[in-house]
Amino acid sequence: MANTLKITLVKSPIGILPKHKKTVEALGLRKIRQVVEQQDNPQIRGMIDQVKYLVEVEEI
């Protein structure tokens, strides 16, 4: 079974690069403090790495 990641948006995406804003939306995050669960895979890890200054990640 693959690991799951709990991703929380902790900073507002207002005023950041449009590419990073789209990455946050692609992760399923819309509002601050919103939490989503995503499968742990290289694609999701790459997206998280791109916006690591906006999100907190926890392995569950």
PDB file of N, CA and C in Angstrom:
ATOM      1  N   MET A   1       0.834  -1.188   0.000  1.00  0.00           N
ATOM      2  CA  MET A   1       0.000   0.000   0.000  1.00  0.00           C
ATOM      3  C   MET A   1       0.876   1.248   0.000  1.00  0.00           C
ATOM      4  N   ALA A   2       0.546   2.197  -0.841  1.00  0.00           N
ATOM      5  CA  ALA A   2       1.319   3.428  -0.936  1.00  0.00           C
ATOM      6  C   ALA A   2       1.024   4.320   0.260  1.00  0.00           C
ATOM      7  N   ASN A   3       2.015   5.102   0.634  1.00  0.00           N
ATOM      8  CA  ASN A   3       1.827   6.053   1.720  1.00  0.00           C
ATOM      9  C   ASN A   3       0.937   7.199   1.262  1.00  0.00           C
ATOM     10  N   THR A   4       0.340   7.854   2.231  1.00  0.00           N
ATOM     11  CA  THR A   4      -0.512   8.999   1.942  1.00  0.00           C
ATOM     12  C   THR A   4       0.107  10.238   2.572  1.00  0.00           C
ATOM     13  N   LEU A   5      -0.039  11.364   1.903  1.00  0.00           N
ATOM     14  CA  LEU A   5       0.463  12.633   2.415  1.00  0.00           C
ATOM     15  C   LEU A   5      -0.713  13.529   2.787  1.00  0.00           C
ATOM     16  N   LYS A   6      -0.603  14.170   3.941  1.00  0.00           N
ATOM     17  CA  LYS A   6      -1.599  15.145   4.387  1.00  0.00           C
ATOM     18  C   LYS A   6      -0.990  16.519   4.117  1.00  0.00           C
ATOM     19  N   ILE A   7      -1.599  17.278   3.211  1.00  0.00           N
ATOM     20  CA  ILE A   7      -1.053  18.561   2.773  1.00  0.00           C
ATOM     21  C   ILE A   7      -1.974  19.670   3.251  1.00  0.00           C
ATOM     22  N   THR A   8      -1.402  20.673   3.937  1.00  0.00           N
ATOM     23  CA  THR A   8      -2.162  21.798   4.471  1.00  0.00           C
ATOM     24  C   THR A   8      -1.640  23.094   3.865  1.00  0.00           C
ATOM     25  N   LEU A   9      -2.538  23.920   3.355  1.00  0.00           N
ATOM     26  CA  LEU A   9      -2.164  25.237   2.834  1.00  0.00           C
ATOM     27  C   LEU A   9      -2.034  26.187   4.018  1.00  0.00           C
ATOM     28  N   VAL A  10      -0.840  26.755   4.229  1.00  0.00           N
ATOM     29  CA  VAL A  10      -0.610  27.606   5.397  1.00  0.00           C
ATOM     30  C   VAL A  10      -0.372  29.070   5.040  1.00  0.00           C
ATOM     31  N   LYS A  11      -0.086  29.367   3.782  1.00  0.00           N
ATOM     32  CA  LYS A  11       0.086  30.747   3.347  1.00  0.00           C
ATOM     33  C   LYS A  11      -0.807  31.011   2.144  1.00  0.00           C
ATOM     34  N   SER A  12      -1.218  32.247   2.010  1.00  0.00           N
ATOM     35  CA  SER A  12      -2.094  32.625   0.903  1.00  0.00           C
ATOM     36  C   SER A  12      -1.330  32.602  -0.423  1.00  0.00           C
ATOM     37  N   PRO A  13      -1.973  32.082  -1.469  1.00  0.00           N
ATOM     38  CA  PRO A  13      -1.328  32.099  -2.789  1.00  0.00           C
ATOM     39  C   PRO A  13      -1.494  33.433  -3.529  1.00  0.00           C
ATOM     40  N   ILE A  14      -2.057  34.431  -2.872  1.00  0.00           N
ATOM     41  CA  ILE A  14      -2.229  35.742  -3.516  1.00  0.00           C
ATOM     42  C   ILE A  14      -0.851  36.370  -3.733  1.00  0.00           C
ATOM     43  N   GLY A  15      -0.608  36.832  -4.935  1.00  0.00           N
ATOM     44  CA  GLY A  15       0.630  37.536  -5.245  1.00  0.00           C
ATOM     45  C   GLY A  15       1.814  36.643  -5.570  1.00  0.00           C
ATOM     46  N   ILE A  16       1.610  35.338  -5.671  1.00  0.00           N
ATOM     47  CA  ILE A  16       2.724  34.458  -6.026  1.00  0.00           C
ATOM     48  C   ILE A  16       2.707  34.212  -7.535  1.00  0.00           C
ATOM     49  N   LEU A  17       3.719  33.524  -8.021  1.00  0.00           N
ATOM     50  CA  LEU A  17       3.798  33.232  -9.447  1.00  0.00           C
ATOM     51  C   LEU A  17       2.554  32.475  -9.920  1.00  0.00           C
ATOM     52  N   PRO A  18       2.011  32.825 -11.072  1.00  0.00           N
ATOM     53  CA  PRO A  18       0.834  32.119 -11.588  1.00  0.00           C
ATOM     54  C   PRO A  18       1.043  30.607 -11.692  1.00  0.00           C
ATOM     55  N   LYS A  19       2.243  30.181 -12.041  1.00  0.00           N
ATOM     56  CA  LYS A  19       2.548  28.754 -12.138  1.00  0.00           C
ATOM     57  C   LYS A  19       2.397  28.075 -10.775  1.00  0.00           C
ATOM     58  N   HIS A  20       2.847  28.744  -9.727  1.00  0.00           N
ATOM     59  CA  HIS A  20       2.742  28.184  -8.382  1.00  0.00           C
ATOM     60  C   HIS A  20       1.290  28.177  -7.911  1.00  0.00           C
ATOM     61  N   LYS A  21       0.537  29.187  -8.283  1.00  0.00           N
ATOM     62  CA  LYS A  21      -0.882  29.245  -7.918  1.00  0.00           C
ATOM     63  C   LYS A  21      -1.630  28.063  -8.544  1.00  0.00           C
ATOM     64  N   LYS A  22      -1.306  27.752  -9.803  1.00  0.00           N
ATOM     65  CA  LYS A  22      -1.942  26.622 -10.478  1.00  0.00           C
ATOM     66  C   LYS A  22      -1.523  25.297  -9.839  1.00  0.00           C
ATOM     67  N   THR A  23      -0.287  25.231  -9.362  1.00  0.00           N
ATOM     68  CA  THR A  23       0.180  24.023  -8.692  1.00  0.00           C
ATOM     69  C   THR A  23      -0.597  23.797  -7.400  1.00  0.00           C
ATOM     70  N   VAL A  24      -0.815  24.864  -6.626  1.00  0.00           N
ATOM     71  CA  VAL A  24      -1.589  24.763  -5.385  1.00  0.00           C
ATOM     72  C   VAL A  24      -3.003  24.271  -5.695  1.00  0.00           C
ATOM     73  N   GLU A  25      -3.612  24.824  -6.734  1.00  0.00           N
ATOM     74  CA  GLU A  25      -4.963  24.402  -7.118  1.00  0.00           C
ATOM     75  C   GLU A  25      -4.970  22.952  -7.596  1.00  0.00           C
ATOM     76  N   ALA A  26      -3.926  22.538  -8.302  1.00  0.00           N
ATOM     77  CA  ALA A  26      -3.842  21.162  -8.793  1.00  0.00           C
ATOM     78  C   ALA A  26      -3.704  20.161  -7.644  1.00  0.00           C
ATOM     79  N   LEU A  27      -3.144  20.611  -6.535  1.00  0.00           N
ATOM     80  CA  LEU A  27      -3.053  19.758  -5.353  1.00  0.00           C
ATOM     81  C   LEU A  27      -4.409  19.634  -4.661  1.00  0.00           C
ATOM     82  N   GLY A  28      -5.363  20.477  -5.051  1.00  0.00           N
ATOM     83  CA  GLY A  28      -6.706  20.419  -4.473  1.00  0.00           C
ATOM     84  C   GLY A  28      -6.921  21.409  -3.354  1.00  0.00           C
ATOM     85  N   LEU A  29      -6.025  22.381  -3.232  1.00  0.00           N
ATOM     86  CA  LEU A  29      -6.115  23.366  -2.157  1.00  0.00           C
ATOM     87  C   LEU A  29      -6.714  24.667  -2.658  1.00  0.00           C
ATOM     88  N   ARG A  30      -7.709  25.174  -1.941  1.00  0.00           N
ATOM     89  CA  ARG A  30      -8.377  26.410  -2.336  1.00  0.00           C
ATOM     90  C   ARG A  30      -8.323  27.484  -1.243  1.00  0.00           C
ATOM     91  N   LYS A  31      -8.418  27.063   0.015  1.00  0.00           N
ATOM     92  CA  LYS A  31      -8.474  28.018   1.125  1.00  0.00           C
ATOM     93  C   LYS A  31      -7.356  27.747   2.125  1.00  0.00           C
ATOM     94  N   ILE A  32      -6.948  28.792   2.846  1.00  0.00           N
ATOM     95  CA  ILE A  32      -5.934  28.641   3.884  1.00  0.00           C
ATOM     96  C   ILE A  32      -6.470  27.701   4.957  1.00  0.00           C
ATOM     97  N   ARG A  33      -5.598  26.865   5.482  1.00  0.00           N
ATOM     98  CA  ARG A  33      -5.899  25.851   6.498  1.00  0.00           C
ATOM     99  C   ARG A  33      -6.682  24.659   5.950  1.00  0.00           C
ATOM    100  N   GLN A  34      -6.932  24.642   4.645  1.00  0.00           N
ATOM    101  CA  GLN A  34      -7.585  23.487   4.041  1.00  0.00           C
ATOM    102  C   GLN A  34      -6.585  22.334   3.998  1.00  0.00           C
ATOM    103  N   VAL A  35      -7.079  21.137   4.259  1.00  0.00           N
ATOM    104  CA  VAL A  35      -6.235  19.946   4.284  1.00  0.00           C
ATOM    105  C   VAL A  35      -6.732  18.972   3.225  1.00  0.00           C
ATOM    106  N   VAL A  36      -5.804  18.422   2.446  1.00  0.00           N
ATOM    107  CA  VAL A  36      -6.142  17.381   1.477  1.00  0.00           C
ATOM    108  C   VAL A  36      -5.195  16.211   1.688  1.00  0.00           C
ATOM    109  N   GLU A  37      -5.649  15.045   1.278  1.00  0.00           N
ATOM    110  CA  GLU A  37      -4.803  13.854   1.316  1.00  0.00           C
ATOM    111  C   GLU A  37      -4.516  13.429  -0.109  1.00  0.00           C
ATOM    112  N   GLN A  38      -3.244  13.206  -0.398  1.00  0.00           N
ATOM    113  CA  GLN A  38      -2.816  12.782  -1.730  1.00  0.00           C
ATOM    114  C   GLN A  38      -1.927  11.554  -1.574  1.00  0.00           C
ATOM    115  N   GLN A  39      -1.919  10.706  -2.594  1.00  0.00           N
ATOM    116  CA  GLN A  39      -1.016   9.559  -2.610  1.00  0.00           C
ATOM    117  C   GLN A  39       0.424  10.054  -2.724  1.00  0.00           C
ATOM    118  N   ASP A  40       1.335   9.362  -2.077  1.00  0.00           N
ATOM    119  CA  ASP A  40       2.754   9.719  -2.129  1.00  0.00           C
ATOM    120  C   ASP A  40       3.352   9.121  -3.397  1.00  0.00           C
ATOM    121  N   ASN A  41       3.621   9.987  -4.374  1.00  0.00           N
ATOM    122  CA  ASN A  41       4.276   9.548  -5.603  1.00  0.00           C
ATOM    123  C   ASN A  41       5.181  10.674  -6.101  1.00  0.00           C
ATOM    124  N   PRO A  42       6.060  10.396  -7.040  1.00  0.00           N
ATOM    125  CA  PRO A  42       7.017  11.420  -7.497  1.00  0.00           C
ATOM    126  C   PRO A  42       6.360  12.687  -8.055  1.00  0.00           C
ATOM    127  N   GLN A  43       5.207  12.549  -8.705  1.00  0.00           N
ATOM    128  CA  GLN A  43       4.534  13.721  -9.266  1.00  0.00           C
ATOM    129  C   GLN A  43       4.049  14.654  -8.164  1.00  0.00           C
ATOM    130  N   ILE A  44       3.412  14.102  -7.153  1.00  0.00           N
ATOM    131  CA  ILE A  44       2.914  14.912  -6.036  1.00  0.00           C
ATOM    132  C   ILE A  44       4.080  15.508  -5.261  1.00  0.00           C
ATOM    133  N   ARG A  45       5.133  14.731  -5.041  1.00  0.00           N
ATOM    134  CA  ARG A  45       6.322  15.241  -4.340  1.00  0.00           C
ATOM    135  C   ARG A  45       6.934  16.427  -5.094  1.00  0.00           C
ATOM    136  N   GLY A  46       6.961  16.356  -6.417  1.00  0.00           N
ATOM    137  CA  GLY A  46       7.490  17.460  -7.212  1.00  0.00           C
ATOM    138  C   GLY A  46       6.638  18.705  -7.089  1.00  0.00           C
ATOM    139  N   MET A  47       5.318  18.522  -7.067  1.00  0.00           N
ATOM    140  CA  MET A  47       4.413  19.657  -6.905  1.00  0.00           C
ATOM    141  C   MET A  47       4.594  20.297  -5.524  1.00  0.00           C
ATOM    142  N   ILE A  48       4.730  19.463  -4.503  1.00  0.00           N
ATOM    143  CA  ILE A  48       4.933  19.967  -3.142  1.00  0.00           C
ATOM    144  C   ILE A  48       6.259  20.715  -3.054  1.00  0.00           C
ATOM    145  N   ASP A  49       7.299  20.173  -3.674  1.00  0.00           N
ATOM    146  CA  ASP A  49       8.614  20.816  -3.637  1.00  0.00           C
ATOM    147  C   ASP A  49       8.565  22.203  -4.269  1.00  0.00           C
ATOM    148  N   GLN A  50       7.745  22.360  -5.296  1.00  0.00           N
ATOM    149  CA  GLN A  50       7.632  23.642  -5.989  1.00  0.00           C
ATOM    150  C   GLN A  50       6.971  24.709  -5.109  1.00  0.00           C
ATOM    151  N   VAL A  51       6.036  24.310  -4.264  1.00  0.00           N
ATOM    152  CA  VAL A  51       5.306  25.281  -3.438  1.00  0.00           C
ATOM    153  C   VAL A  51       5.525  25.017  -1.944  1.00  0.00           C
ATOM    154  N   LYS A  52       6.707  24.509  -1.588  1.00  0.00           N
ATOM    155  CA  LYS A  52       6.968  24.138  -0.201  1.00  0.00           C
ATOM    156  C   LYS A  52       6.897  25.320   0.763  1.00  0.00           C
ATOM    157  N   TYR A  53       7.024  26.552   0.260  1.00  0.00           N
ATOM    158  CA  TYR A  53       6.930  27.730   1.115  1.00  0.00           C
ATOM    159  C   TYR A  53       5.477  28.101   1.434  1.00  0.00           C
ATOM    160  N   LEU A  54       4.516  27.402   0.844  1.00  0.00           N
ATOM    161  CA  LEU A  54       3.094  27.678   1.068  1.00  0.00           C
ATOM    162  C   LEU A  54       2.383  26.567   1.830  1.00  0.00           C
ATOM    163  N   VAL A  55       2.978  25.387   1.903  1.00  0.00           N
ATOM    164  CA  VAL A  55       2.272  24.228   2.450  1.00  0.00           C
ATOM    165  C   VAL A  55       3.072  23.543   3.557  1.00  0.00           C
ATOM    166  N   GLU A  56       2.331  22.784   4.377  1.00  0.00           N
ATOM    167  CA  GLU A  56       2.932  21.874   5.341  1.00  0.00           C
ATOM    168  C   GLU A  56       2.548  20.465   4.935  1.00  0.00           C
ATOM    169  N   VAL A  57       3.480  19.533   5.066  1.00  0.00           N
ATOM    170  CA  VAL A  57       3.230  18.158   4.631  1.00  0.00           C
ATOM    171  C   VAL A  57       3.498  17.220   5.792  1.00  0.00           C
ATOM    172  N   GLU A  58       2.596  16.238   5.939  1.00  0.00           N
ATOM    173  CA  GLU A  58       2.743  15.235   6.987  1.00  0.00           C
ATOM    174  C   GLU A  58       2.445  13.869   6.374  1.00  0.00           C
ATOM    175  N   GLU A  59       3.290  12.896   6.658  1.00  0.00           N
ATOM    176  CA  GLU A  59       3.050  11.544   6.163  1.00  0.00           C
ATOM    177  C   GLU A  59       2.106  10.819   7.107  1.00  0.00           C
ATOM    178  N   ILE A  60       1.102  10.154   6.539  1.00  0.00           N
ATOM    179  CA  ILE A  60       0.179   9.387   7.384  1.00  0.00           C
ATOM    180  C   ILE A  60       0.080   7.969   6.872  1.00  0.00           C
TER     181      ILE A  60
END
